[in-house]
Amino acid sequence: MEDSQFTKEMVVKLIIENQLKDFDRHDHAERLKIAKRKGAAGNPLFIVFNNPSIEFTLDELKVLVPLDRDRMKYLKLAKNLHGLLSIPKQKGRRNHHMSQRHQALKSESLRVFRSLLETHVDKFKAVCVEKGLEYTGIPDSAIPEVGKQAARIAIRNVNEAQFRKRTKARRRQEHSRKVNAGLLSISTSEKNYVNRGGQYGK
């Protein structure tokens, strides 16, 4: 079928069908996951779900694993301005499985890796110019070593940043407590105390 034969209504209908298939697939996976979890917990009614040789259809799972939303009956599905089914926006972190430290390490390691890679590129280019060879890129064997070095540097940088952050938070708390206890005057700059480590520095 040529592209000219596709109208907007046909494209919207095709996309909605795919959306409905995605809804059914996610619904099936959610119910099966709940059933397997209950079976692993020792519930005799759900032990059969841990048998990989038995496959359940969505209609069977709706009967065996009912959910709260099954009691709801929608008269009309919400659609957006393009006529497609409205999908709720994702809330919270996109990579919710990653902790803040994990995200910091990943971001810092990528930044350090790019910096180290540029340094290695410059070195290889200089060697090629010195020996009169044509530069064809960094050898593949050098990439893993650069990655390991970037990971070590990233861990050190993140640890130092967290240490500085904790130190400043502790000094800020000490400043507040000393002011409340009358050991420091209110006019004493909190910024100087936090940055210098004391009223007159250390």
N, C-alpha and C. Protein backbone atom coordinates (compact mmCIF):
# COMPACT_ATOMS: atom_id res chain seq x y z
N MET A 1 0.85 -1.20 0.00
CA MET A 1 0.00 0.00 0.00
C MET A 1 0.88 1.24 0.00
N GLU A 2 0.58 2.17 -0.89
CA GLU A 2 1.38 3.37 -0.99
C GLU A 2 1.06 4.32 0.15
N ASP A 3 2.00 5.26 0.42
CA ASP A 3 1.80 6.22 1.49
C ASP A 3 0.65 7.16 1.20
N SER A 4 0.39 7.42 -0.10
CA SER A 4 -0.69 8.34 -0.46
C SER A 4 -2.05 7.78 -0.12
N GLN A 5 -2.16 6.45 0.04
CA GLN A 5 -3.44 5.84 0.36
C GLN A 5 -3.76 5.91 1.85
N PHE A 6 -2.78 6.27 2.69
CA PHE A 6 -2.99 6.39 4.12
C PHE A 6 -3.58 7.76 4.42
N THR A 7 -4.74 7.78 5.02
CA THR A 7 -5.35 9.03 5.46
C THR A 7 -5.10 9.20 6.96
N LYS A 8 -5.41 10.38 7.46
CA LYS A 8 -5.21 10.65 8.88
C LYS A 8 -6.06 9.73 9.73
N GLU A 9 -7.30 9.46 9.30
CA GLU A 9 -8.19 8.59 10.06
C GLU A 9 -7.64 7.16 10.13
N MET A 10 -7.07 6.70 9.02
CA MET A 10 -6.50 5.34 9.01
C MET A 10 -5.29 5.25 9.93
N VAL A 11 -4.44 6.28 9.91
CA VAL A 11 -3.25 6.27 10.77
C VAL A 11 -3.65 6.31 12.23
N VAL A 12 -4.63 7.17 12.58
CA VAL A 12 -5.09 7.27 13.96
C VAL A 12 -5.68 5.94 14.42
N LYS A 13 -6.46 5.31 13.55
CA LYS A 13 -7.06 4.01 13.90
C LYS A 13 -6.00 2.96 14.15
N LEU A 14 -4.96 2.94 13.29
CA LEU A 14 -3.88 1.97 13.45
C LEU A 14 -3.11 2.19 14.75
N ILE A 15 -2.85 3.46 15.07
CA ILE A 15 -2.10 3.76 16.30
C ILE A 15 -2.93 3.40 17.53
N ILE A 16 -4.25 3.67 17.49
CA ILE A 16 -5.11 3.33 18.62
C ILE A 16 -5.15 1.82 18.83
N GLU A 17 -5.18 1.06 17.74
CA GLU A 17 -5.15 -0.40 17.87
C GLU A 17 -3.87 -0.86 18.55
N ASN A 18 -2.75 -0.26 18.17
CA ASN A 18 -1.48 -0.62 18.81
C ASN A 18 -1.47 -0.20 20.28
N GLN A 19 -2.07 0.95 20.59
CA GLN A 19 -2.16 1.38 21.99
C GLN A 19 -2.98 0.39 22.81
N LEU A 20 -4.10 -0.05 22.28
CA LEU A 20 -4.93 -1.02 23.00
C LEU A 20 -4.20 -2.34 23.19
N LYS A 21 -3.42 -2.76 22.19
CA LYS A 21 -2.63 -3.97 22.35
C LYS A 21 -1.57 -3.80 23.44
N ASP A 22 -0.98 -2.61 23.52
CA ASP A 22 -0.01 -2.34 24.58
C ASP A 22 -0.67 -2.38 25.95
N PHE A 23 -1.87 -1.81 26.06
CA PHE A 23 -2.60 -1.85 27.33
C PHE A 23 -2.85 -3.28 27.76
N ASP A 24 -3.30 -4.11 26.82
CA ASP A 24 -3.59 -5.51 27.15
C ASP A 24 -2.32 -6.26 27.54
N ARG A 25 -1.22 -5.98 26.84
CA ARG A 25 0.04 -6.66 27.16
C ARG A 25 0.53 -6.28 28.55
N HIS A 26 0.47 -4.98 28.89
CA HIS A 26 0.89 -4.54 30.22
C HIS A 26 -0.05 -5.08 31.30
N ASP A 27 -1.34 -5.14 31.00
CA ASP A 27 -2.31 -5.69 31.95
C ASP A 27 -2.03 -7.15 32.22
N HIS A 28 -1.74 -7.90 31.17
CA HIS A 28 -1.41 -9.33 31.32
C HIS A 28 -0.15 -9.51 32.16
N ALA A 29 0.88 -8.69 31.89
CA ALA A 29 2.14 -8.82 32.63
C ALA A 29 1.95 -8.46 34.10
N GLU A 30 1.13 -7.44 34.38
CA GLU A 30 0.91 -7.03 35.77
C GLU A 30 0.18 -8.11 36.55
N ARG A 31 -0.88 -8.66 35.97
CA ARG A 31 -1.64 -9.71 36.68
C ARG A 31 -0.80 -10.96 36.88
N LEU A 32 0.00 -11.32 35.88
CA LEU A 32 0.84 -12.51 36.01
C LEU A 32 1.91 -12.30 37.07
N LYS A 33 2.45 -11.10 37.16
CA LYS A 33 3.47 -10.80 38.17
C LYS A 33 2.87 -10.91 39.57
N ILE A 34 1.66 -10.39 39.76
CA ILE A 34 1.00 -10.49 41.06
C ILE A 34 0.74 -11.93 41.43
N ALA A 35 0.26 -12.72 40.46
CA ALA A 35 -0.04 -14.12 40.73
C ALA A 35 1.22 -14.90 41.09
N LYS A 36 2.32 -14.66 40.37
CA LYS A 36 3.57 -15.36 40.67
C LYS A 36 4.10 -14.97 42.05
N ARG A 37 3.94 -13.70 42.42
CA ARG A 37 4.40 -13.27 43.73
C ARG A 37 3.61 -13.94 44.84
N LYS A 38 2.30 -14.06 44.65
CA LYS A 38 1.48 -14.73 45.66
C LYS A 38 1.79 -16.22 45.71
N GLY A 39 2.07 -16.81 44.54
CA GLY A 39 2.43 -18.22 44.54
C GLY A 39 3.76 -18.48 45.22
N ALA A 40 4.73 -17.57 45.02
CA ALA A 40 6.02 -17.73 45.69
C ALA A 40 5.91 -17.54 47.18
N ALA A 41 4.88 -16.78 47.63
CA ALA A 41 4.67 -16.56 49.06
C ALA A 41 4.02 -17.75 49.74
N GLY A 42 3.60 -18.75 48.96
CA GLY A 42 3.03 -19.95 49.55
C GLY A 42 1.53 -20.06 49.45
N ASN A 43 0.89 -19.17 48.72
CA ASN A 43 -0.56 -19.25 48.56
C ASN A 43 -0.89 -20.42 47.64
N PRO A 44 -1.63 -21.44 48.11
CA PRO A 44 -1.87 -22.64 47.28
C PRO A 44 -2.71 -22.35 46.05
N LEU A 45 -3.49 -21.27 46.05
CA LEU A 45 -4.33 -20.95 44.90
C LEU A 45 -3.53 -20.40 43.73
N PHE A 46 -2.30 -19.95 43.99
CA PHE A 46 -1.51 -19.31 42.95
C PHE A 46 -0.21 -20.06 42.65
N ILE A 47 -0.04 -21.26 43.19
CA ILE A 47 1.18 -22.02 42.93
C ILE A 47 1.28 -22.42 41.46
N VAL A 48 0.14 -22.63 40.81
CA VAL A 48 0.13 -23.07 39.43
C VAL A 48 0.74 -22.02 38.50
N PHE A 49 0.76 -20.76 38.93
CA PHE A 49 1.30 -19.71 38.07
C PHE A 49 2.82 -19.76 37.96
N ASN A 50 3.47 -20.47 38.87
CA ASN A 50 4.92 -20.60 38.81
C ASN A 50 5.37 -21.72 37.89
N ASN A 51 4.42 -22.39 37.25
CA ASN A 51 4.73 -23.45 36.30
C ASN A 51 4.93 -22.82 34.92
N PRO A 52 6.15 -22.78 34.38
CA PRO A 52 6.38 -22.10 33.10
C PRO A 52 5.73 -22.78 31.91
N SER A 53 5.31 -24.04 32.05
CA SER A 53 4.71 -24.75 30.93
C SER A 53 3.25 -24.39 30.72
N ILE A 54 2.65 -23.68 31.67
CA ILE A 54 1.25 -23.28 31.56
C ILE A 54 1.18 -21.81 31.22
N GLU A 55 0.49 -21.48 30.16
CA GLU A 55 0.31 -20.10 29.74
C GLU A 55 -1.16 -19.71 29.89
N PHE A 56 -1.37 -18.55 30.49
CA PHE A 56 -2.71 -18.06 30.74
C PHE A 56 -3.01 -16.89 29.80
N THR A 57 -4.23 -16.84 29.32
CA THR A 57 -4.67 -15.73 28.49
C THR A 57 -5.09 -14.56 29.39
N LEU A 58 -5.29 -13.41 28.79
CA LEU A 58 -5.70 -12.24 29.55
C LEU A 58 -7.07 -12.43 30.16
N ASP A 59 -7.99 -13.05 29.44
CA ASP A 59 -9.33 -13.28 29.98
C ASP A 59 -9.28 -14.21 31.19
N GLU A 60 -8.42 -15.23 31.14
CA GLU A 60 -8.29 -16.13 32.29
C GLU A 60 -7.69 -15.40 33.49
N LEU A 61 -6.71 -14.55 33.23
CA LEU A 61 -6.09 -13.82 34.33
C LEU A 61 -7.05 -12.81 34.94
N LYS A 62 -7.94 -12.22 34.14
CA LYS A 62 -8.91 -11.28 34.69
C LYS A 62 -9.84 -11.98 35.67
N VAL A 63 -10.13 -13.27 35.44
CA VAL A 63 -10.99 -14.02 36.35
C VAL A 63 -10.20 -14.51 37.57
N LEU A 64 -8.98 -15.00 37.35
CA LEU A 64 -8.19 -15.58 38.43
C LEU A 64 -7.50 -14.52 39.28
N VAL A 65 -7.11 -13.40 38.68
CA VAL A 65 -6.41 -12.34 39.40
C VAL A 65 -7.16 -11.02 39.20
N PRO A 66 -8.27 -10.82 39.89
CA PRO A 66 -9.03 -9.57 39.72
C PRO A 66 -8.31 -8.39 40.36
N LEU A 67 -8.47 -7.23 39.78
CA LEU A 67 -7.88 -6.00 40.30
C LEU A 67 -8.99 -4.99 40.60
N ASP A 68 -8.63 -3.96 41.36
CA ASP A 68 -9.63 -2.96 41.74
C ASP A 68 -10.21 -2.23 40.53
N ARG A 69 -9.38 -2.03 39.51
CA ARG A 69 -9.87 -1.28 38.36
C ARG A 69 -10.87 -2.07 37.51
N ASP A 70 -11.00 -3.38 37.77
CA ASP A 70 -11.95 -4.18 37.00
C ASP A 70 -13.39 -3.77 37.30
N ARG A 71 -13.63 -3.17 38.48
CA ARG A 71 -14.99 -2.76 38.83
C ARG A 71 -15.39 -1.47 38.13
N MET A 72 -14.41 -0.77 37.54
CA MET A 72 -14.71 0.50 36.89
C MET A 72 -15.16 0.25 35.45
N LYS A 73 -16.15 0.98 35.03
CA LYS A 73 -16.66 0.87 33.66
C LYS A 73 -16.61 2.26 33.05
N TYR A 74 -15.80 2.41 32.01
CA TYR A 74 -15.64 3.69 31.35
C TYR A 74 -16.63 3.78 30.18
N LEU A 75 -17.32 4.89 30.10
CA LEU A 75 -18.21 5.13 28.98
C LEU A 75 -17.45 5.64 27.76
N LYS A 76 -16.33 6.31 28.01
CA LYS A 76 -15.59 6.91 26.92
C LYS A 76 -14.12 7.02 27.32
N LEU A 77 -13.24 6.62 26.42
CA LEU A 77 -11.82 6.73 26.68
C LEU A 77 -11.34 8.13 26.34
N ALA A 78 -10.47 8.68 27.19
CA ALA A 78 -9.97 10.03 26.96
C ALA A 78 -9.01 10.04 25.78
N LYS A 79 -9.15 11.07 24.95
CA LYS A 79 -8.29 11.22 23.78
C LYS A 79 -7.67 12.62 23.77
N ASN A 80 -6.53 12.72 23.14
CA ASN A 80 -5.86 14.01 23.06
C ASN A 80 -6.30 14.75 21.79
N LEU A 81 -5.65 15.86 21.52
CA LEU A 81 -6.07 16.69 20.40
C LEU A 81 -5.82 16.03 19.05
N HIS A 82 -4.99 14.98 19.01
CA HIS A 82 -4.73 14.28 17.76
C HIS A 82 -5.68 13.10 17.56
N GLY A 83 -6.57 12.87 18.52
CA GLY A 83 -7.49 11.75 18.42
C GLY A 83 -6.94 10.45 18.93
N LEU A 84 -5.75 10.48 19.54
CA LEU A 84 -5.13 9.27 20.09
C LEU A 84 -5.51 9.13 21.56
N LEU A 85 -5.40 7.92 22.09
CA LEU A 85 -5.70 7.68 23.49
C LEU A 85 -4.69 8.41 24.37
N SER A 86 -5.20 9.12 25.34
CA SER A 86 -4.33 9.88 26.23
C SER A 86 -3.60 8.94 27.18
N ILE A 87 -2.30 9.12 27.28
CA ILE A 87 -1.46 8.30 28.16
C ILE A 87 -0.92 9.21 29.26
N PRO A 88 -1.05 8.85 30.53
CA PRO A 88 -0.55 9.72 31.60
C PRO A 88 0.95 9.89 31.52
N LYS A 89 1.40 11.08 31.90
CA LYS A 89 2.82 11.37 31.89
C LYS A 89 3.51 10.67 33.05
N GLN A 90 4.74 10.29 32.81
CA GLN A 90 5.52 9.64 33.85
C GLN A 90 5.90 10.64 34.93
N LYS A 91 5.73 10.25 36.18
CA LYS A 91 6.06 11.10 37.30
C LYS A 91 7.27 10.53 38.04
N GLY A 92 8.00 11.42 38.69
CA GLY A 92 9.17 10.98 39.42
C GLY A 92 10.37 10.78 38.51
N ARG A 93 11.34 10.05 38.99
CA ARG A 93 12.56 9.81 38.21
C ARG A 93 12.27 8.89 37.04
N ARG A 94 12.95 9.14 35.96
CA ARG A 94 12.84 8.22 34.83
C ARG A 94 13.57 6.91 35.14
N ASN A 95 14.73 7.01 35.74
CA ASN A 95 15.47 5.83 36.18
C ASN A 95 15.29 5.68 37.69
N HIS A 96 14.09 5.25 38.08
CA HIS A 96 13.78 5.21 39.50
C HIS A 96 14.57 4.16 40.24
N HIS A 97 15.19 3.21 39.50
CA HIS A 97 15.96 2.17 40.17
C HIS A 97 17.34 2.66 40.58
N MET A 98 17.73 3.83 40.09
CA MET A 98 19.06 4.37 40.39
C MET A 98 18.99 5.32 41.59
N SER A 99 19.87 5.14 42.54
CA SER A 99 19.94 6.05 43.67
C SER A 99 20.61 7.35 43.23
N GLN A 100 20.56 8.34 44.09
CA GLN A 100 21.19 9.62 43.75
C GLN A 100 22.70 9.46 43.59
N ARG A 101 23.31 8.63 44.40
CA ARG A 101 24.75 8.39 44.27
C ARG A 101 25.06 7.69 42.95
N HIS A 102 24.23 6.72 42.59
CA HIS A 102 24.43 5.99 41.33
C HIS A 102 24.32 6.95 40.15
N GLN A 103 23.35 7.84 40.19
CA GLN A 103 23.19 8.82 39.12
C GLN A 103 24.39 9.77 39.07
N ALA A 104 24.85 10.19 40.25
CA ALA A 104 26.01 11.09 40.28
C ALA A 104 27.26 10.40 39.71
N LEU A 105 27.45 9.12 40.07
CA LEU A 105 28.60 8.38 39.55
C LEU A 105 28.52 8.21 38.04
N LYS A 106 27.33 7.92 37.54
CA LYS A 106 27.17 7.73 36.10
C LYS A 106 27.45 9.03 35.35
N SER A 107 26.90 10.13 35.85
CA SER A 107 27.10 11.42 35.19
C SER A 107 28.57 11.83 35.22
N GLU A 108 29.20 11.67 36.39
CA GLU A 108 30.60 12.07 36.52
C GLU A 108 31.52 11.17 35.69
N SER A 109 31.23 9.87 35.65
CA SER A 109 32.07 8.97 34.87
C SER A 109 31.99 9.27 33.38
N LEU A 110 30.80 9.64 32.89
CA LEU A 110 30.66 10.01 31.48
C LEU A 110 31.44 11.29 31.17
N ARG A 111 31.37 12.26 32.10
CA ARG A 111 32.08 13.51 31.89
C ARG A 111 33.60 13.27 31.87
N VAL A 112 34.08 12.47 32.84
CA VAL A 112 35.52 12.19 32.91
C VAL A 112 35.96 11.35 31.70
N PHE A 113 35.10 10.41 31.28
CA PHE A 113 35.45 9.56 30.13
C PHE A 113 35.64 10.40 28.87
N ARG A 114 34.74 11.35 28.65
CA ARG A 114 34.89 12.22 27.47
C ARG A 114 36.18 13.02 27.54
N SER A 115 36.50 13.52 28.74
CA SER A 115 37.72 14.31 28.89
C SER A 115 38.96 13.45 28.65
N LEU A 116 39.00 12.25 29.22
CA LEU A 116 40.15 11.36 29.02
C LEU A 116 40.27 10.92 27.56
N LEU A 117 39.12 10.69 26.93
CA LEU A 117 39.15 10.25 25.54
C LEU A 117 39.72 11.34 24.64
N GLU A 118 39.35 12.58 24.91
CA GLU A 118 39.91 13.68 24.12
C GLU A 118 41.42 13.78 24.33
N THR A 119 41.87 13.55 25.56
CA THR A 119 43.31 13.58 25.83
C THR A 119 44.04 12.47 25.07
N HIS A 120 43.46 11.26 25.06
CA HIS A 120 44.07 10.15 24.34
C HIS A 120 44.07 10.40 22.83
N VAL A 121 43.01 11.01 22.33
CA VAL A 121 42.95 11.32 20.90
C VAL A 121 44.08 12.27 20.52
N ASP A 122 44.28 13.30 21.34
CA ASP A 122 45.36 14.26 21.06
C ASP A 122 46.72 13.57 21.09
N LYS A 123 46.91 12.65 22.05
CA LYS A 123 48.20 11.96 22.14
C LYS A 123 48.42 11.07 20.93
N PHE A 124 47.38 10.33 20.51
CA PHE A 124 47.53 9.44 19.36
C PHE A 124 47.79 10.25 18.08
N LYS A 125 47.12 11.38 17.97
CA LYS A 125 47.35 12.23 16.80
C LYS A 125 48.78 12.76 16.77
N ALA A 126 49.28 13.16 17.95
CA ALA A 126 50.66 13.66 18.02
C ALA A 126 51.66 12.57 17.65
N VAL A 127 51.41 11.34 18.12
CA VAL A 127 52.31 10.22 17.80
C VAL A 127 52.27 9.93 16.30
N CYS A 128 51.07 9.97 15.71
CA CYS A 128 50.95 9.70 14.28
C CYS A 128 51.67 10.77 13.44
N VAL A 129 51.55 12.03 13.87
CA VAL A 129 52.24 13.10 13.15
C VAL A 129 53.75 12.95 13.29
N GLU A 130 54.20 12.55 14.49
CA GLU A 130 55.64 12.39 14.72
C GLU A 130 56.23 11.27 13.88
N LYS A 131 55.46 10.17 13.75
CA LYS A 131 55.96 9.03 12.99
C LYS A 131 55.57 9.07 11.51
N GLY A 132 54.81 10.09 11.12
CA GLY A 132 54.40 10.22 9.73
C GLY A 132 53.35 9.22 9.31
N LEU A 133 52.49 8.82 10.24
CA LEU A 133 51.44 7.85 9.94
C LEU A 133 50.09 8.57 9.83
N GLU A 134 49.14 7.89 9.22
CA GLU A 134 47.79 8.44 9.10
C GLU A 134 46.96 8.06 10.33
N TYR A 135 46.31 9.04 10.92
CA TYR A 135 45.50 8.79 12.11
C TYR A 135 44.19 8.12 11.71
N THR A 136 43.94 6.93 12.26
CA THR A 136 42.73 6.16 11.93
C THR A 136 41.83 5.94 13.14
N GLY A 137 42.12 6.63 14.24
CA GLY A 137 41.29 6.47 15.43
C GLY A 137 42.02 5.75 16.54
N ILE A 138 41.38 5.74 17.71
CA ILE A 138 41.97 5.08 18.88
C ILE A 138 41.76 3.58 18.78
N PRO A 139 42.75 2.78 19.12
CA PRO A 139 42.57 1.32 19.10
C PRO A 139 41.47 0.89 20.07
N ASP A 140 40.74 -0.15 19.68
CA ASP A 140 39.66 -0.64 20.53
C ASP A 140 40.17 -1.15 21.88
N SER A 141 41.41 -1.59 21.91
CA SER A 141 41.96 -2.12 23.17
C SER A 141 42.16 -1.03 24.21
N ALA A 142 42.21 0.24 23.78
CA ALA A 142 42.43 1.33 24.73
C ALA A 142 41.15 1.81 25.40
N ILE A 143 40.00 1.49 24.81
CA ILE A 143 38.72 1.98 25.35
C ILE A 143 38.43 1.41 26.74
N PRO A 144 38.55 0.08 26.97
CA PRO A 144 38.27 -0.45 28.32
C PRO A 144 39.16 0.16 29.40
N GLU A 145 40.44 0.38 29.07
CA GLU A 145 41.34 0.98 30.06
C GLU A 145 40.92 2.41 30.38
N VAL A 146 40.50 3.15 29.37
CA VAL A 146 40.02 4.51 29.62
C VAL A 146 38.76 4.49 30.48
N GLY A 147 37.88 3.51 30.23
CA GLY A 147 36.67 3.40 31.03
C GLY A 147 36.96 3.09 32.49
N LYS A 148 37.93 2.18 32.74
CA LYS A 148 38.29 1.87 34.13
C LYS A 148 38.89 3.08 34.82
N GLN A 149 39.76 3.79 34.12
CA GLN A 149 40.37 4.98 34.71
C GLN A 149 39.32 6.05 35.00
N ALA A 150 38.35 6.21 34.08
CA ALA A 150 37.29 7.19 34.30
C ALA A 150 36.42 6.81 35.49
N ALA A 151 36.17 5.51 35.68
CA ALA A 151 35.36 5.06 36.81
C ALA A 151 36.06 5.36 38.13
N ARG A 152 37.40 5.12 38.18
CA ARG A 152 38.14 5.39 39.42
C ARG A 152 38.12 6.89 39.74
N ILE A 153 38.35 7.70 38.73
CA ILE A 153 38.36 9.15 38.96
C ILE A 153 36.98 9.65 39.35
N ALA A 154 35.93 9.09 38.73
CA ALA A 154 34.56 9.52 39.05
C ALA A 154 34.21 9.19 40.50
N ILE A 155 34.60 8.01 40.97
CA ILE A 155 34.32 7.64 42.36
C ILE A 155 35.02 8.60 43.31
N ARG A 156 36.26 8.94 43.01
CA ARG A 156 37.02 9.87 43.86
C ARG A 156 36.36 11.26 43.86
N ASN A 157 35.95 11.73 42.69
CA ASN A 157 35.34 13.06 42.60
C ASN A 157 34.00 13.12 43.35
N VAL A 158 33.19 12.08 43.19
CA VAL A 158 31.89 12.06 43.87
C VAL A 158 32.07 11.97 45.38
N ASN A 159 33.02 11.16 45.83
CA ASN A 159 33.27 11.06 47.27
C ASN A 159 33.74 12.40 47.85
N GLU A 160 34.62 13.08 47.13
CA GLU A 160 35.09 14.38 47.60
C GLU A 160 33.96 15.41 47.63
N ALA A 161 33.10 15.39 46.62
CA ALA A 161 31.97 16.33 46.59
C ALA A 161 31.00 16.06 47.73
N GLN A 162 30.73 14.78 48.01
CA GLN A 162 29.84 14.45 49.13
C GLN A 162 30.47 14.82 50.46
N PHE A 163 31.80 14.65 50.59
CA PHE A 163 32.48 15.03 51.83
C PHE A 163 32.39 16.54 52.05
N ARG A 164 32.61 17.32 50.98
CA ARG A 164 32.49 18.78 51.11
C ARG A 164 31.07 19.19 51.47
N LYS A 165 30.10 18.53 50.88
CA LYS A 165 28.70 18.85 51.16
C LYS A 165 28.36 18.55 52.62
N ARG A 166 28.79 17.38 53.13
CA ARG A 166 28.53 17.03 54.52
C ARG A 166 29.24 17.98 55.48
N THR A 167 30.47 18.37 55.12
CA THR A 167 31.23 19.28 55.98
C THR A 167 30.54 20.63 56.09
N LYS A 168 30.07 21.15 54.96
CA LYS A 168 29.38 22.44 54.99
C LYS A 168 28.06 22.35 55.76
N ALA A 169 27.35 21.26 55.62
CA ALA A 169 26.10 21.09 56.36
C ALA A 169 26.37 21.02 57.86
N ARG A 170 27.44 20.31 58.25
CA ARG A 170 27.79 20.22 59.67
C ARG A 170 28.20 21.57 60.22
N ARG A 171 29.00 22.34 59.46
CA ARG A 171 29.42 23.67 59.92
C ARG A 171 28.23 24.62 60.00
N ARG A 172 27.28 24.49 59.06
CA ARG A 172 26.10 25.35 59.09
C ARG A 172 25.27 25.05 60.35
N GLN A 173 25.19 23.77 60.72
CA GLN A 173 24.47 23.40 61.92
C GLN A 173 25.20 23.88 63.18
N GLU A 174 26.54 23.78 63.18
CA GLU A 174 27.32 24.27 64.31
C GLU A 174 27.13 25.77 64.48
N HIS A 175 27.11 26.51 63.38
CA HIS A 175 26.93 27.96 63.45
C HIS A 175 25.58 28.30 64.07
N SER A 176 24.53 27.61 63.66
CA SER A 176 23.20 27.88 64.20
C SER A 176 23.14 27.58 65.69
N ARG A 177 23.73 26.46 66.10
CA ARG A 177 23.70 26.10 67.52
C ARG A 177 24.50 27.07 68.37
N LYS A 178 25.66 27.53 67.86
CA LYS A 178 26.46 28.48 68.63
C LYS A 178 25.76 29.82 68.74
N VAL A 179 25.08 30.23 67.68
CA VAL A 179 24.33 31.49 67.75
C VAL A 179 23.19 31.37 68.75
N ASN A 180 22.49 30.24 68.75
CA ASN A 180 21.39 30.03 69.69
C ASN A 180 21.87 29.96 71.13
N ALA A 181 23.09 29.42 71.33
CA ALA A 181 23.64 29.31 72.67
C ALA A 181 24.32 30.59 73.14
N GLY A 182 24.44 31.57 72.27
CA GLY A 182 25.08 32.82 72.64
C GLY A 182 26.58 32.82 72.53
N LEU A 183 27.15 31.77 71.94
CA LEU A 183 28.59 31.70 71.79
C LEU A 183 29.08 32.53 70.60
N LEU A 184 28.19 32.80 69.67
CA LEU A 184 28.50 33.64 68.52
C LEU A 184 27.45 34.73 68.41
N SER A 185 27.87 35.88 67.93
CA SER A 185 26.92 36.96 67.72
C SER A 185 26.13 36.72 66.45
N ILE A 186 24.93 37.31 66.39
CA ILE A 186 24.08 37.13 65.23
C ILE A 186 24.73 37.71 63.98
N SER A 187 25.59 38.72 64.18
CA SER A 187 26.22 39.37 63.04
C SER A 187 27.32 38.52 62.40
N THR A 188 27.71 37.42 63.07
CA THR A 188 28.74 36.55 62.51
C THR A 188 28.23 35.92 61.22
N SER A 189 28.98 36.08 60.15
CA SER A 189 28.54 35.59 58.84
C SER A 189 28.52 34.07 58.81
N GLU A 190 27.35 33.53 58.48
CA GLU A 190 27.25 32.07 58.36
C GLU A 190 28.06 31.58 57.16
N LYS A 191 28.09 32.35 56.10
CA LYS A 191 28.83 31.96 54.91
C LYS A 191 30.32 31.83 55.20
N ASN A 192 30.89 32.81 55.92
CA ASN A 192 32.30 32.73 56.27
C ASN A 192 32.58 31.57 57.21
N TYR A 193 31.67 31.33 58.15
CA TYR A 193 31.85 30.23 59.10
C TYR A 193 31.85 28.89 58.36
N VAL A 194 30.93 28.75 57.40
CA VAL A 194 30.82 27.48 56.68
C VAL A 194 32.02 27.27 55.75
N ASN A 195 32.45 28.32 55.07
CA ASN A 195 33.53 28.19 54.09
C ASN A 195 34.90 28.12 54.74
N ARG A 196 35.09 28.82 55.86
CA ARG A 196 36.40 28.90 56.49
C ARG A 196 36.56 27.93 57.65
N GLY A 197 35.47 27.31 58.11
CA GLY A 197 35.57 26.33 59.16
C GLY A 197 35.55 26.89 60.56
N GLY A 198 35.21 28.15 60.72
CA GLY A 198 35.14 28.75 62.05
C GLY A 198 34.98 30.26 61.94
N GLN A 199 34.88 30.90 63.06
CA GLN A 199 34.69 32.34 63.05
C GLN A 199 35.88 33.06 62.45
N TYR A 200 37.09 32.56 62.75
CA TYR A 200 38.31 33.18 62.24
C TYR A 200 39.07 32.25 61.28
N GLY A 201 38.45 31.16 60.94
CA GLY A 201 39.12 30.20 60.08
C GLY A 201 39.98 29.24 60.88
N LYS A 202 40.37 28.16 60.25
CA LYS A 202 41.20 27.15 60.91
C LYS A 202 42.46 26.91 60.12
